[in-house]
Amino acid sequence: MIKKTILTFIFFTIIITVNAQEWQTDFETAKKIATEKNQHIVLVFQGSDWCAPCIKLDREIWSTKEFKDYAAANFVLLKADFPRKKKNKLESIQQQKNNSLMEKYDKNGFFPYVAVLDKNGNVLGSTGYKKMKPAEYIKLLDSF
């Protein structure tokens, strides 16, 4: 009985891991994946530990099963995080990458800022936090 339970748990863990959409943190990797899969990139600028609308966007949209399932099949997700708390500080190389992305795509420093890019990194449209259901937000991202 215990072996069966353990095997079932392992099986479902593998299935979930395989189907889970992974947030990229490297722009070149995201472009490569987007090219291979012929998908758009959803680039999110956030302050994960201080920006209330960013936290709401994560909780209300990014973390939902509906968005995760749709994104796994339709988007390459790229996150540029700008945490402020010392315990969440990024490695300097990652911080430099995020700063470069901000210089190019979020010059005004808006948080959260969501840019939909084509596989070459060209901006198709942008938005921020909106009080919407996941299906509505997906439709908005798809409209770009």
N, C-alpha and C. Protein backbone atom coordinates (compact mmCIF):
# COMPACT_ATOMS: atom_id res chain seq x y z
N MET A 1 0.82 -1.19 0.00
CA MET A 1 0.00 0.00 0.00
C MET A 1 0.87 1.26 0.00
N ILE A 2 1.89 1.27 0.85
CA ILE A 2 2.76 2.43 0.93
C ILE A 2 3.53 2.61 -0.38
N LYS A 3 4.02 1.50 -0.96
CA LYS A 3 4.74 1.59 -2.23
C LYS A 3 3.85 2.16 -3.33
N LYS A 4 2.60 1.72 -3.36
CA LYS A 4 1.66 2.22 -4.36
C LYS A 4 1.43 3.73 -4.19
N THR A 5 1.28 4.17 -2.97
CA THR A 5 1.09 5.59 -2.68
C THR A 5 2.31 6.40 -3.10
N ILE A 6 3.48 5.89 -2.79
CA ILE A 6 4.72 6.59 -3.16
C ILE A 6 4.86 6.66 -4.68
N LEU A 7 4.61 5.56 -5.35
CA LEU A 7 4.70 5.55 -6.81
C LEU A 7 3.69 6.50 -7.45
N THR A 8 2.49 6.53 -6.91
CA THR A 8 1.47 7.46 -7.42
C THR A 8 1.93 8.90 -7.23
N PHE A 9 2.46 9.20 -6.06
CA PHE A 9 2.96 10.54 -5.78
C PHE A 9 4.07 10.92 -6.75
N ILE A 10 5.02 10.04 -6.96
CA ILE A 10 6.13 10.31 -7.88
C ILE A 10 5.60 10.52 -9.30
N PHE A 11 4.68 9.70 -9.73
CA PHE A 11 4.10 9.83 -11.07
C PHE A 11 3.47 11.20 -11.26
N PHE A 12 2.63 11.63 -10.32
CA PHE A 12 1.96 12.91 -10.46
C PHE A 12 2.93 14.08 -10.33
N THR A 13 3.95 13.93 -9.53
CA THR A 13 4.97 14.97 -9.41
C THR A 13 5.69 15.15 -10.74
N ILE A 14 6.02 14.06 -11.40
CA ILE A 14 6.68 14.13 -12.71
C ILE A 14 5.76 14.77 -13.73
N ILE A 15 4.50 14.37 -13.76
CA ILE A 15 3.53 14.94 -14.70
C ILE A 15 3.40 16.45 -14.50
N ILE A 16 3.26 16.87 -13.26
CA ILE A 16 3.12 18.29 -12.97
C ILE A 16 4.37 19.05 -13.37
N THR A 17 5.53 18.49 -13.07
CA THR A 17 6.79 19.15 -13.41
C THR A 17 6.96 19.28 -14.92
N VAL A 18 6.60 18.27 -15.65
CA VAL A 18 6.74 18.30 -17.11
C VAL A 18 5.79 19.34 -17.72
N ASN A 19 4.58 19.43 -17.19
CA ASN A 19 3.59 20.34 -17.75
C ASN A 19 3.65 21.76 -17.20
N ALA A 20 4.44 21.99 -16.18
CA ALA A 20 4.51 23.31 -15.57
C ALA A 20 5.26 24.27 -16.47
N GLN A 21 4.77 25.49 -16.54
CA GLN A 21 5.44 26.52 -17.31
C GLN A 21 6.55 27.09 -16.44
N GLU A 22 7.70 27.19 -16.99
CA GLU A 22 8.86 27.67 -16.26
C GLU A 22 9.11 29.13 -16.60
N TRP A 23 9.32 29.94 -15.59
CA TRP A 23 9.67 31.34 -15.81
C TRP A 23 11.16 31.42 -16.13
N GLN A 24 11.47 32.00 -17.25
CA GLN A 24 12.86 32.22 -17.63
C GLN A 24 13.35 33.50 -16.97
N THR A 25 14.66 33.59 -16.80
CA THR A 25 15.26 34.82 -16.27
C THR A 25 16.34 35.36 -17.20
N ASP A 26 16.56 34.66 -18.31
CA ASP A 26 17.57 35.07 -19.29
C ASP A 26 16.89 35.36 -20.62
N PHE A 27 17.07 36.55 -21.13
CA PHE A 27 16.41 36.99 -22.35
C PHE A 27 16.79 36.16 -23.56
N GLU A 28 18.07 35.85 -23.70
CA GLU A 28 18.51 35.06 -24.86
C GLU A 28 17.91 33.66 -24.84
N THR A 29 17.83 33.07 -23.66
CA THR A 29 17.20 31.75 -23.53
C THR A 29 15.73 31.84 -23.91
N ALA A 30 15.05 32.87 -23.43
CA ALA A 30 13.63 33.05 -23.75
C ALA A 30 13.43 33.21 -25.26
N LYS A 31 14.29 33.99 -25.91
CA LYS A 31 14.16 34.16 -27.37
C LYS A 31 14.41 32.85 -28.11
N LYS A 32 15.36 32.08 -27.64
CA LYS A 32 15.65 30.79 -28.27
C LYS A 32 14.44 29.86 -28.17
N ILE A 33 13.86 29.77 -26.98
CA ILE A 33 12.69 28.92 -26.78
C ILE A 33 11.52 29.42 -27.62
N ALA A 34 11.33 30.73 -27.64
CA ALA A 34 10.22 31.33 -28.41
C ALA A 34 10.38 31.03 -29.90
N THR A 35 11.60 31.04 -30.38
CA THR A 35 11.87 30.72 -31.79
C THR A 35 11.58 29.24 -32.06
N GLU A 36 12.06 28.37 -31.18
CA GLU A 36 11.85 26.93 -31.35
C GLU A 36 10.36 26.57 -31.32
N LYS A 37 9.61 27.23 -30.44
CA LYS A 37 8.18 26.90 -30.27
C LYS A 37 7.25 27.82 -31.05
N ASN A 38 7.83 28.83 -31.71
CA ASN A 38 7.05 29.83 -32.43
C ASN A 38 5.98 30.46 -31.52
N GLN A 39 6.45 30.97 -30.38
CA GLN A 39 5.56 31.57 -29.40
C GLN A 39 6.02 32.98 -29.07
N HIS A 40 5.09 33.76 -28.51
CA HIS A 40 5.42 35.08 -28.02
C HIS A 40 6.02 34.98 -26.62
N ILE A 41 6.77 36.00 -26.26
CA ILE A 41 7.38 36.10 -24.94
C ILE A 41 6.54 37.07 -24.11
N VAL A 42 6.20 36.67 -22.91
CA VAL A 42 5.54 37.57 -21.96
C VAL A 42 6.60 37.97 -20.95
N LEU A 43 7.05 39.23 -21.05
CA LEU A 43 8.10 39.77 -20.20
C LEU A 43 7.45 40.57 -19.07
N VAL A 44 7.74 40.16 -17.84
CA VAL A 44 7.12 40.79 -16.67
C VAL A 44 8.18 41.46 -15.82
N PHE A 45 8.00 42.76 -15.60
CA PHE A 45 8.84 43.51 -14.67
C PHE A 45 8.07 43.59 -13.36
N GLN A 46 8.71 43.13 -12.28
CA GLN A 46 8.01 43.12 -11.00
C GLN A 46 8.96 43.40 -9.86
N GLY A 47 8.36 43.83 -8.77
CA GLY A 47 9.04 43.95 -7.49
C GLY A 47 8.37 42.95 -6.57
N SER A 48 8.88 41.74 -6.57
CA SER A 48 8.19 40.61 -5.92
C SER A 48 8.01 40.75 -4.42
N ASP A 49 8.82 41.57 -3.78
CA ASP A 49 8.71 41.64 -2.32
C ASP A 49 8.30 43.03 -1.81
N TRP A 50 7.87 43.92 -2.70
CA TRP A 50 7.47 45.25 -2.25
C TRP A 50 6.32 45.86 -3.04
N CYS A 51 6.08 45.41 -4.25
CA CYS A 51 5.09 46.02 -5.14
C CYS A 51 3.74 45.31 -4.99
N ALA A 52 2.79 45.98 -4.34
CA ALA A 52 1.48 45.35 -4.07
C ALA A 52 0.77 44.91 -5.35
N PRO A 53 0.70 45.75 -6.40
CA PRO A 53 0.05 45.29 -7.63
C PRO A 53 0.78 44.11 -8.28
N CYS A 54 2.10 44.04 -8.13
CA CYS A 54 2.88 42.91 -8.67
C CYS A 54 2.49 41.63 -7.95
N ILE A 55 2.37 41.72 -6.65
CA ILE A 55 2.01 40.57 -5.83
C ILE A 55 0.59 40.12 -6.18
N LYS A 56 -0.31 41.09 -6.38
CA LYS A 56 -1.69 40.75 -6.78
C LYS A 56 -1.71 40.07 -8.15
N LEU A 57 -0.93 40.59 -9.09
CA LEU A 57 -0.88 40.01 -10.43
C LEU A 57 -0.38 38.57 -10.36
N ASP A 58 0.62 38.33 -9.53
CA ASP A 58 1.12 36.97 -9.37
C ASP A 58 0.05 36.06 -8.78
N ARG A 59 -0.60 36.53 -7.75
CA ARG A 59 -1.61 35.71 -7.05
C ARG A 59 -2.87 35.51 -7.89
N GLU A 60 -3.33 36.57 -8.57
CA GLU A 60 -4.60 36.51 -9.30
C GLU A 60 -4.49 35.96 -10.72
N ILE A 61 -3.30 36.06 -11.32
CA ILE A 61 -3.15 35.61 -12.71
C ILE A 61 -2.05 34.56 -12.84
N TRP A 62 -0.81 34.95 -12.63
CA TRP A 62 0.32 34.05 -12.92
C TRP A 62 0.24 32.73 -12.17
N SER A 63 -0.24 32.72 -10.96
CA SER A 63 -0.27 31.50 -10.14
C SER A 63 -1.50 30.62 -10.35
N THR A 64 -2.42 31.06 -11.18
CA THR A 64 -3.64 30.26 -11.36
C THR A 64 -3.38 29.10 -12.32
N LYS A 65 -4.11 28.03 -12.10
CA LYS A 65 -4.00 26.86 -12.97
C LYS A 65 -4.38 27.23 -14.40
N GLU A 66 -5.42 28.05 -14.54
CA GLU A 66 -5.88 28.45 -15.88
C GLU A 66 -4.77 29.14 -16.66
N PHE A 67 -4.09 30.09 -16.02
CA PHE A 67 -3.02 30.79 -16.73
C PHE A 67 -1.83 29.86 -16.97
N LYS A 68 -1.44 29.11 -15.97
CA LYS A 68 -0.30 28.20 -16.12
C LYS A 68 -0.50 27.23 -17.27
N ASP A 69 -1.71 26.66 -17.34
CA ASP A 69 -1.99 25.70 -18.41
C ASP A 69 -1.94 26.37 -19.78
N TYR A 70 -2.54 27.54 -19.88
CA TYR A 70 -2.55 28.25 -21.16
C TYR A 70 -1.13 28.68 -21.55
N ALA A 71 -0.43 29.25 -20.60
CA ALA A 71 0.92 29.76 -20.87
C ALA A 71 1.86 28.64 -21.30
N ALA A 72 1.73 27.48 -20.70
CA ALA A 72 2.62 26.36 -21.03
C ALA A 72 2.53 26.01 -22.51
N ALA A 73 1.38 26.20 -23.09
CA ALA A 73 1.18 25.85 -24.50
C ALA A 73 1.31 27.03 -25.46
N ASN A 74 1.33 28.27 -24.92
CA ASN A 74 1.24 29.42 -25.81
C ASN A 74 2.27 30.53 -25.62
N PHE A 75 2.93 30.58 -24.48
CA PHE A 75 3.86 31.68 -24.20
C PHE A 75 5.18 31.16 -23.66
N VAL A 76 6.20 31.98 -23.83
CA VAL A 76 7.44 31.82 -23.10
C VAL A 76 7.42 32.93 -22.06
N LEU A 77 7.52 32.57 -20.80
CA LEU A 77 7.44 33.54 -19.72
C LEU A 77 8.84 33.96 -19.29
N LEU A 78 9.02 35.28 -19.19
CA LEU A 78 10.32 35.86 -18.82
C LEU A 78 10.09 36.86 -17.70
N LYS A 79 10.78 36.68 -16.60
CA LYS A 79 10.59 37.52 -15.43
C LYS A 79 11.84 38.35 -15.16
N ALA A 80 11.63 39.65 -14.98
CA ALA A 80 12.69 40.55 -14.54
C ALA A 80 12.26 41.10 -13.18
N ASP A 81 12.81 40.54 -12.14
CA ASP A 81 12.42 40.89 -10.78
C ASP A 81 13.37 41.94 -10.21
N PHE A 82 12.81 42.83 -9.41
CA PHE A 82 13.57 43.88 -8.76
C PHE A 82 13.23 43.92 -7.27
N PRO A 83 13.61 42.87 -6.54
CA PRO A 83 13.30 42.83 -5.11
C PRO A 83 14.11 43.88 -4.35
N ARG A 84 13.58 44.31 -3.21
CA ARG A 84 14.27 45.32 -2.40
C ARG A 84 14.83 44.76 -1.10
N LYS A 85 14.19 43.71 -0.59
CA LYS A 85 14.65 43.16 0.69
C LYS A 85 15.99 42.45 0.51
N LYS A 86 16.85 42.66 1.48
CA LYS A 86 18.20 42.10 1.42
C LYS A 86 18.19 40.58 1.23
N LYS A 87 17.26 39.90 1.92
CA LYS A 87 17.20 38.44 1.83
C LYS A 87 16.82 37.94 0.44
N ASN A 88 16.21 38.79 -0.38
CA ASN A 88 15.79 38.41 -1.73
C ASN A 88 16.69 38.97 -2.83
N LYS A 89 17.80 39.57 -2.41
CA LYS A 89 18.72 40.20 -3.36
C LYS A 89 19.17 39.21 -4.43
N LEU A 90 19.16 39.68 -5.67
CA LEU A 90 19.58 38.86 -6.80
C LEU A 90 21.10 38.85 -6.91
N GLU A 91 21.62 37.83 -7.57
CA GLU A 91 23.05 37.81 -7.87
C GLU A 91 23.33 38.98 -8.81
N SER A 92 24.52 39.52 -8.75
CA SER A 92 24.83 40.74 -9.52
C SER A 92 24.67 40.53 -11.03
N ILE A 93 25.00 39.35 -11.53
CA ILE A 93 24.84 39.08 -12.98
C ILE A 93 23.37 39.14 -13.36
N GLN A 94 22.49 38.53 -12.54
CA GLN A 94 21.06 38.56 -12.83
C GLN A 94 20.53 39.99 -12.72
N GLN A 95 21.00 40.75 -11.74
CA GLN A 95 20.56 42.13 -11.58
C GLN A 95 20.96 42.96 -12.79
N GLN A 96 22.15 42.72 -13.33
CA GLN A 96 22.59 43.44 -14.53
C GLN A 96 21.72 43.09 -15.72
N LYS A 97 21.36 41.80 -15.87
CA LYS A 97 20.49 41.38 -16.96
C LYS A 97 19.13 42.07 -16.84
N ASN A 98 18.58 42.10 -15.63
CA ASN A 98 17.29 42.74 -15.42
C ASN A 98 17.36 44.25 -15.69
N ASN A 99 18.46 44.87 -15.26
CA ASN A 99 18.63 46.30 -15.52
C ASN A 99 18.69 46.59 -17.02
N SER A 100 19.37 45.73 -17.77
CA SER A 100 19.45 45.90 -19.23
C SER A 100 18.08 45.77 -19.87
N LEU A 101 17.30 44.79 -19.41
CA LEU A 101 15.94 44.63 -19.93
C LEU A 101 15.09 45.86 -19.62
N MET A 102 15.27 46.41 -18.42
CA MET A 102 14.50 47.59 -18.04
C MET A 102 14.88 48.79 -18.92
N GLU A 103 16.16 48.95 -19.18
CA GLU A 103 16.61 50.07 -20.03
C GLU A 103 15.99 49.99 -21.42
N LYS A 104 15.80 48.77 -21.90
CA LYS A 104 15.27 48.60 -23.25
C LYS A 104 13.74 48.61 -23.30
N TYR A 105 13.08 47.95 -22.33
CA TYR A 105 11.64 47.73 -22.43
C TYR A 105 10.77 48.49 -21.43
N ASP A 106 11.35 48.94 -20.33
CA ASP A 106 10.55 49.61 -19.29
C ASP A 106 11.27 50.86 -18.81
N LYS A 107 11.50 51.76 -19.75
CA LYS A 107 12.28 52.97 -19.46
C LYS A 107 11.67 53.84 -18.38
N ASN A 108 10.35 53.78 -18.22
CA ASN A 108 9.68 54.60 -17.20
C ASN A 108 9.67 53.94 -15.82
N GLY A 109 10.11 52.69 -15.76
CA GLY A 109 10.21 52.00 -14.48
C GLY A 109 8.88 51.65 -13.84
N PHE A 110 7.88 51.34 -14.66
CA PHE A 110 6.57 50.96 -14.13
C PHE A 110 6.62 49.54 -13.56
N PHE A 111 5.89 49.35 -12.46
CA PHE A 111 5.76 48.03 -11.84
C PHE A 111 4.30 47.81 -11.49
N PRO A 112 3.72 46.69 -11.80
CA PRO A 112 4.24 45.71 -12.74
C PRO A 112 4.08 46.24 -14.16
N TYR A 113 4.96 45.81 -15.00
CA TYR A 113 4.89 46.15 -16.42
C TYR A 113 5.01 44.84 -17.18
N VAL A 114 4.05 44.60 -18.06
CA VAL A 114 4.00 43.35 -18.81
C VAL A 114 4.09 43.69 -20.29
N ALA A 115 5.14 43.22 -20.94
CA ALA A 115 5.32 43.46 -22.37
C ALA A 115 5.22 42.12 -23.10
N VAL A 116 4.43 42.10 -24.15
CA VAL A 116 4.35 40.91 -25.00
C VAL A 116 5.28 41.17 -26.18
N LEU A 117 6.22 40.25 -26.36
CA LEU A 117 7.25 40.40 -27.39
C LEU A 117 7.12 39.27 -28.41
N ASP A 118 7.53 39.56 -29.63
CA ASP A 118 7.62 38.47 -30.60
C ASP A 118 8.91 37.69 -30.33
N LYS A 119 9.15 36.65 -31.08
CA LYS A 119 10.31 35.78 -30.82
C LYS A 119 11.65 36.48 -31.03
N ASN A 120 11.63 37.65 -31.69
CA ASN A 120 12.85 38.42 -31.90
C ASN A 120 13.05 39.52 -30.86
N GLY A 121 12.07 39.66 -29.97
CA GLY A 121 12.19 40.67 -28.92
C GLY A 121 11.53 41.99 -29.26
N ASN A 122 10.75 42.06 -30.32
CA ASN A 122 10.03 43.28 -30.67
C ASN A 122 8.74 43.37 -29.87
N VAL A 123 8.44 44.56 -29.35
CA VAL A 123 7.24 44.75 -28.52
C VAL A 123 5.99 44.73 -29.39
N LEU A 124 5.04 43.86 -29.01
CA LEU A 124 3.76 43.77 -29.70
C LEU A 124 2.69 44.54 -28.95
N GLY A 125 2.86 44.68 -27.64
CA GLY A 125 1.91 45.40 -26.81
C GLY A 125 2.34 45.32 -25.36
N SER A 126 1.71 46.12 -24.52
CA SER A 126 2.07 46.11 -23.10
C SER A 126 0.86 46.44 -22.24
N THR A 127 0.97 46.06 -20.98
CA THR A 127 -0.09 46.30 -20.01
C THR A 127 0.53 46.27 -18.62
N GLY A 128 -0.30 46.26 -17.63
CA GLY A 128 0.15 46.18 -16.24
C GLY A 128 -0.85 45.35 -15.46
N TYR A 129 -0.99 45.69 -14.19
CA TYR A 129 -1.99 44.99 -13.38
C TYR A 129 -3.37 45.50 -13.77
N LYS A 130 -4.28 44.57 -13.97
CA LYS A 130 -5.68 44.90 -14.21
C LYS A 130 -6.49 43.90 -13.41
N LYS A 131 -7.53 44.38 -12.78
CA LYS A 131 -8.41 43.50 -12.01
C LYS A 131 -9.26 42.73 -12.99
N MET A 132 -8.79 41.53 -13.36
CA MET A 132 -9.47 40.69 -14.35
C MET A 132 -9.39 39.25 -13.90
N LYS A 133 -10.25 38.46 -14.50
CA LYS A 133 -10.15 37.01 -14.33
C LYS A 133 -9.03 36.52 -15.24
N PRO A 134 -8.43 35.37 -14.93
CA PRO A 134 -7.34 34.85 -15.77
C PRO A 134 -7.71 34.76 -17.25
N ALA A 135 -8.91 34.32 -17.56
CA ALA A 135 -9.32 34.19 -18.97
C ALA A 135 -9.32 35.55 -19.66
N GLU A 136 -9.73 36.60 -18.97
CA GLU A 136 -9.74 37.94 -19.55
C GLU A 136 -8.31 38.45 -19.77
N TYR A 137 -7.44 38.16 -18.80
CA TYR A 137 -6.05 38.60 -18.92
C TYR A 137 -5.36 37.86 -20.07
N ILE A 138 -5.65 36.58 -20.20
CA ILE A 138 -5.11 35.80 -21.30
C ILE A 138 -5.56 36.39 -22.63
N LYS A 139 -6.83 36.74 -22.72
CA LYS A 139 -7.37 37.33 -23.94
C LYS A 139 -6.67 38.66 -24.25
N LEU A 140 -6.40 39.45 -23.21
CA LEU A 140 -5.68 40.70 -23.39
C LEU A 140 -4.28 40.44 -23.94
N LEU A 141 -3.56 39.51 -23.34
CA LEU A 141 -2.20 39.20 -23.81
C LEU A 141 -2.22 38.68 -25.24
N ASP A 142 -3.21 37.87 -25.56
CA ASP A 142 -3.33 37.33 -26.92
C ASP A 142 -3.69 38.39 -27.95
N SER A 143 -4.25 39.50 -27.49
CA SER A 143 -4.70 40.54 -28.44
C SER A 143 -3.53 41.33 -29.03
N PHE A 144 -2.37 41.20 -28.43
CA PHE A 144 -1.19 41.95 -28.93
C PHE A 144 -0.53 41.22 -30.07
